[in-house]
Amino acid sequence: MGLSLSYDIIIKGHNGTLQLETKDDEGTEFIIELPGRMGSNN
């Protein structure tokens, strides 16, 4: 359920990307990228 909720928030809610990289004996790395906000710095 946690990964499904993360997908909905990152992909559907923020138009971001979610990637997984798994290496034997090292574990899994989750890579989350969110688009930056355009416009003024206020």
PDB file of N, CA and C in Angstrom:
ATOM      1  N   MET A   1       0.821  -1.189   0.000  1.00  0.00           N
ATOM      2  CA  MET A   1       0.000   0.000   0.000  1.00  0.00           C
ATOM      3  C   MET A   1       0.868   1.257   0.000  1.00  0.00           C
ATOM      4  N   GLY A   2       1.999   1.245   0.648  1.00  0.00           N
ATOM      5  CA  GLY A   2       2.855   2.421   0.716  1.00  0.00           C
ATOM      6  C   GLY A   2       3.390   2.853  -0.637  1.00  0.00           C
ATOM      7  N   LEU A   3       3.835   1.883  -1.447  1.00  0.00           N
ATOM      8  CA  LEU A   3       4.364   2.222  -2.769  1.00  0.00           C
ATOM      9  C   LEU A   3       3.252   2.708  -3.691  1.00  0.00           C
ATOM     10  N   SER A   4       2.071   2.139  -3.557  1.00  0.00           N
ATOM     11  CA  SER A   4       0.926   2.576  -4.356  1.00  0.00           C
ATOM     12  C   SER A   4       0.553   4.018  -4.025  1.00  0.00           C
ATOM     13  N   LEU A   5       0.554   4.353  -2.758  1.00  0.00           N
ATOM     14  CA  LEU A   5       0.253   5.722  -2.331  1.00  0.00           C
ATOM     15  C   LEU A   5       1.344   6.681  -2.804  1.00  0.00           C
ATOM     16  N   SER A   6       2.605   6.260  -2.701  1.00  0.00           N
ATOM     17  CA  SER A   6       3.715   7.086  -3.182  1.00  0.00           C
ATOM     18  C   SER A   6       3.581   7.358  -4.672  1.00  0.00           C
ATOM     19  N   TYR A   7       3.229   6.338  -5.432  1.00  0.00           N
ATOM     20  CA  TYR A   7       3.035   6.491  -6.876  1.00  0.00           C
ATOM     21  C   TYR A   7       1.958   7.535  -7.163  1.00  0.00           C
ATOM     22  N   ASP A   8       0.824   7.420  -6.489  1.00  0.00           N
ATOM     23  CA  ASP A   8      -0.272   8.369  -6.712  1.00  0.00           C
ATOM     24  C   ASP A   8       0.154   9.803  -6.418  1.00  0.00           C
ATOM     25  N   ILE A   9       0.878  10.006  -5.331  1.00  0.00           N
ATOM     26  CA  ILE A   9       1.293  11.358  -4.947  1.00  0.00           C
ATOM     27  C   ILE A   9       2.340  11.907  -5.910  1.00  0.00           C
ATOM     28  N   ILE A  10       3.384  11.118  -6.181  1.00  0.00           N
ATOM     29  CA  ILE A  10       4.510  11.587  -6.999  1.00  0.00           C
ATOM     30  C   ILE A  10       4.136  11.709  -8.475  1.00  0.00           C
ATOM     31  N   ILE A  11       3.542  10.670  -9.040  1.00  0.00           N
ATOM     32  CA  ILE A  11       3.253  10.625 -10.474  1.00  0.00           C
ATOM     33  C   ILE A  11       1.991  11.402 -10.817  1.00  0.00           C
ATOM     34  N   LYS A  12       0.901  11.046 -10.175  1.00  0.00           N
ATOM     35  CA  LYS A  12      -0.389  11.647 -10.516  1.00  0.00           C
ATOM     36  C   LYS A  12      -0.554  13.043  -9.925  1.00  0.00           C
ATOM     37  N   GLY A  13      -0.087  13.241  -8.708  1.00  0.00           N
ATOM     38  CA  GLY A  13      -0.287  14.520  -8.041  1.00  0.00           C
ATOM     39  C   GLY A  13       0.702  15.603  -8.420  1.00  0.00           C
ATOM     40  N   HIS A  14       1.957  15.201  -8.718  1.00  0.00           N
ATOM     41  CA  HIS A  14       3.004  16.195  -8.961  1.00  0.00           C
ATOM     42  C   HIS A  14       3.685  16.057 -10.315  1.00  0.00           C
ATOM     43  N   ASN A  15       3.217  15.147 -11.160  1.00  0.00           N
ATOM     44  CA  ASN A  15       3.821  14.909 -12.482  1.00  0.00           C
ATOM     45  C   ASN A  15       5.313  14.606 -12.391  1.00  0.00           C
ATOM     46  N   GLY A  16       5.702  13.891 -11.359  1.00  0.00           N
ATOM     47  CA  GLY A  16       7.096  13.526 -11.168  1.00  0.00           C
ATOM     48  C   GLY A  16       7.387  12.131 -11.696  1.00  0.00           C
ATOM     49  N   THR A  17       8.580  11.633 -11.356  1.00  0.00           N
ATOM     50  CA  THR A  17       8.967  10.280 -11.743  1.00  0.00           C
ATOM     51  C   THR A  17       9.407   9.511 -10.507  1.00  0.00           C
ATOM     52  N   LEU A  18       9.227   8.205 -10.556  1.00  0.00           N
ATOM     53  CA  LEU A  18       9.621   7.308  -9.477  1.00  0.00           C
ATOM     54  C   LEU A  18      10.334   6.126 -10.116  1.00  0.00           C
ATOM     55  N   GLN A  19      11.604   5.927  -9.741  1.00  0.00           N
ATOM     56  CA  GLN A  19      12.398   4.840 -10.312  1.00  0.00           C
ATOM     57  C   GLN A  19      12.939   3.980  -9.180  1.00  0.00           C
ATOM     58  N   LEU A  20      13.152   2.717  -9.477  1.00  0.00           N
ATOM     59  CA  LEU A  20      13.747   1.787  -8.523  1.00  0.00           C
ATOM     60  C   LEU A  20      14.971   1.158  -9.156  1.00  0.00           C
ATOM     61  N   GLU A  21      16.041   1.078  -8.387  1.00  0.00           N
ATOM     62  CA  GLU A  21      17.243   0.383  -8.844  1.00  0.00           C
ATOM     63  C   GLU A  21      17.634  -0.610  -7.762  1.00  0.00           C
ATOM     64  N   THR A  22      17.701  -1.887  -8.119  1.00  0.00           N
ATOM     65  CA  THR A  22      18.037  -2.937  -7.168  1.00  0.00           C
ATOM     66  C   THR A  22      19.371  -3.562  -7.542  1.00  0.00           C
ATOM     67  N   LYS A  23      20.244  -3.692  -6.538  1.00  0.00           N
ATOM     68  CA  LYS A  23      21.541  -4.332  -6.742  1.00  0.00           C
ATOM     69  C   LYS A  23      21.677  -5.464  -5.735  1.00  0.00           C
ATOM     70  N   ASP A  24      22.145  -6.608  -6.211  1.00  0.00           N
ATOM     71  CA  ASP A  24      22.332  -7.756  -5.327  1.00  0.00           C
ATOM     72  C   ASP A  24      23.251  -7.390  -4.167  1.00  0.00           C
ATOM     73  N   ASP A  25      22.895  -7.804  -2.991  1.00  0.00           N
ATOM     74  CA  ASP A  25      23.670  -7.596  -1.761  1.00  0.00           C
ATOM     75  C   ASP A  25      23.829  -6.133  -1.370  1.00  0.00           C
ATOM     76  N   GLU A  26      23.123  -5.205  -2.047  1.00  0.00           N
ATOM     77  CA  GLU A  26      23.228  -3.787  -1.705  1.00  0.00           C
ATOM     78  C   GLU A  26      21.875  -3.176  -1.360  1.00  0.00           C
ATOM     79  N   GLY A  27      20.786  -3.806  -1.792  1.00  0.00           N
ATOM     80  CA  GLY A  27      19.459  -3.276  -1.500  1.00  0.00           C
ATOM     81  C   GLY A  27      18.858  -2.548  -2.688  1.00  0.00           C
ATOM     82  N   THR A  28      17.813  -1.788  -2.396  1.00  0.00           N
ATOM     83  CA  THR A  28      17.065  -1.079  -3.431  1.00  0.00           C
ATOM     84  C   THR A  28      17.143   0.418  -3.200  1.00  0.00           C
ATOM     85  N   GLU A  29      17.348   1.157  -4.267  1.00  0.00           N
ATOM     86  CA  GLU A  29      17.404   2.621  -4.216  1.00  0.00           C
ATOM     87  C   GLU A  29      16.162   3.165  -4.916  1.00  0.00           C
ATOM     88  N   PHE A  30      15.458   4.063  -4.234  1.00  0.00           N
ATOM     89  CA  PHE A  30      14.292   4.727  -4.810  1.00  0.00           C
ATOM     90  C   PHE A  30      14.722   6.117  -5.260  1.00  0.00           C
ATOM     91  N   ILE A  31      14.453   6.452  -6.509  1.00  0.00           N
ATOM     92  CA  ILE A  31      14.830   7.749  -7.061  1.00  0.00           C
ATOM     93  C   ILE A  31      13.547   8.503  -7.391  1.00  0.00           C
ATOM     94  N   ILE A  32      13.354   9.632  -6.725  1.00  0.00           N
ATOM     95  CA  ILE A  32      12.150  10.439  -6.901  1.00  0.00           C
ATOM     96  C   ILE A  32      12.557  11.779  -7.486  1.00  0.00           C
ATOM     97  N   GLU A  33      11.929  12.158  -8.592  1.00  0.00           N
ATOM     98  CA  GLU A  33      12.187  13.458  -9.211  1.00  0.00           C
ATOM     99  C   GLU A  33      10.876  14.209  -9.330  1.00  0.00           C
ATOM    100  N   LEU A  34      10.877  15.451  -8.847  1.00  0.00           N
ATOM    101  CA  LEU A  34       9.699  16.311  -8.925  1.00  0.00           C
ATOM    102  C   LEU A  34      10.031  17.532  -9.765  1.00  0.00           C
ATOM    103  N   PRO A  35       9.099  17.983 -10.591  1.00  0.00           N
ATOM    104  CA  PRO A  35       9.365  19.169 -11.404  1.00  0.00           C
ATOM    105  C   PRO A  35       9.493  20.405 -10.524  1.00  0.00           C
ATOM    106  N   GLY A  36      10.352  21.327 -10.937  1.00  0.00           N
ATOM    107  CA  GLY A  36      10.530  22.582 -10.208  1.00  0.00           C
ATOM    108  C   GLY A  36       9.427  23.568 -10.538  1.00  0.00           C
ATOM    109  N   ARG A  37       9.253  24.517  -9.667  1.00  0.00           N
ATOM    110  CA  ARG A  37       8.242  25.553  -9.869  1.00  0.00           C
ATOM    111  C   ARG A  37       8.832  26.661 -10.727  1.00  0.00           C
ATOM    112  N   MET A  38       8.086  27.088 -11.712  1.00  0.00           N
ATOM    113  CA  MET A  38       8.501  28.178 -12.585  1.00  0.00           C
ATOM    114  C   MET A  38       7.938  29.491 -12.047  1.00  0.00           C
ATOM    115  N   GLY A  39       8.663  30.581 -12.258  1.00  0.00           N
ATOM    116  CA  GLY A  39       8.135  31.884 -11.862  1.00  0.00           C
ATOM    117  C   GLY A  39       9.054  32.605 -10.904  1.00  0.00           C
ATOM    118  N   SER A  40       8.487  33.538 -10.161  1.00  0.00           N
ATOM    119  CA  SER A  40       9.276  34.375  -9.256  1.00  0.00           C
ATOM    120  C   SER A  40       9.734  33.582  -8.043  1.00  0.00           C
ATOM    121  N   ASN A  41      10.690  34.137  -7.323  1.00  0.00           N
ATOM    122  CA  ASN A  41      11.233  33.501  -6.127  1.00  0.00           C
ATOM    123  C   ASN A  41      10.495  33.912  -4.864  1.00  0.00           C
ATOM    124  N   ASN A  42       9.328  34.512  -4.971  1.00  0.00           N
ATOM    125  CA  ASN A  42       8.578  34.969  -3.794  1.00  0.00           C
ATOM    126  C   ASN A  42       7.927  33.831  -3.084  1.00  0.00           C
TER     127      ASN A  42
END
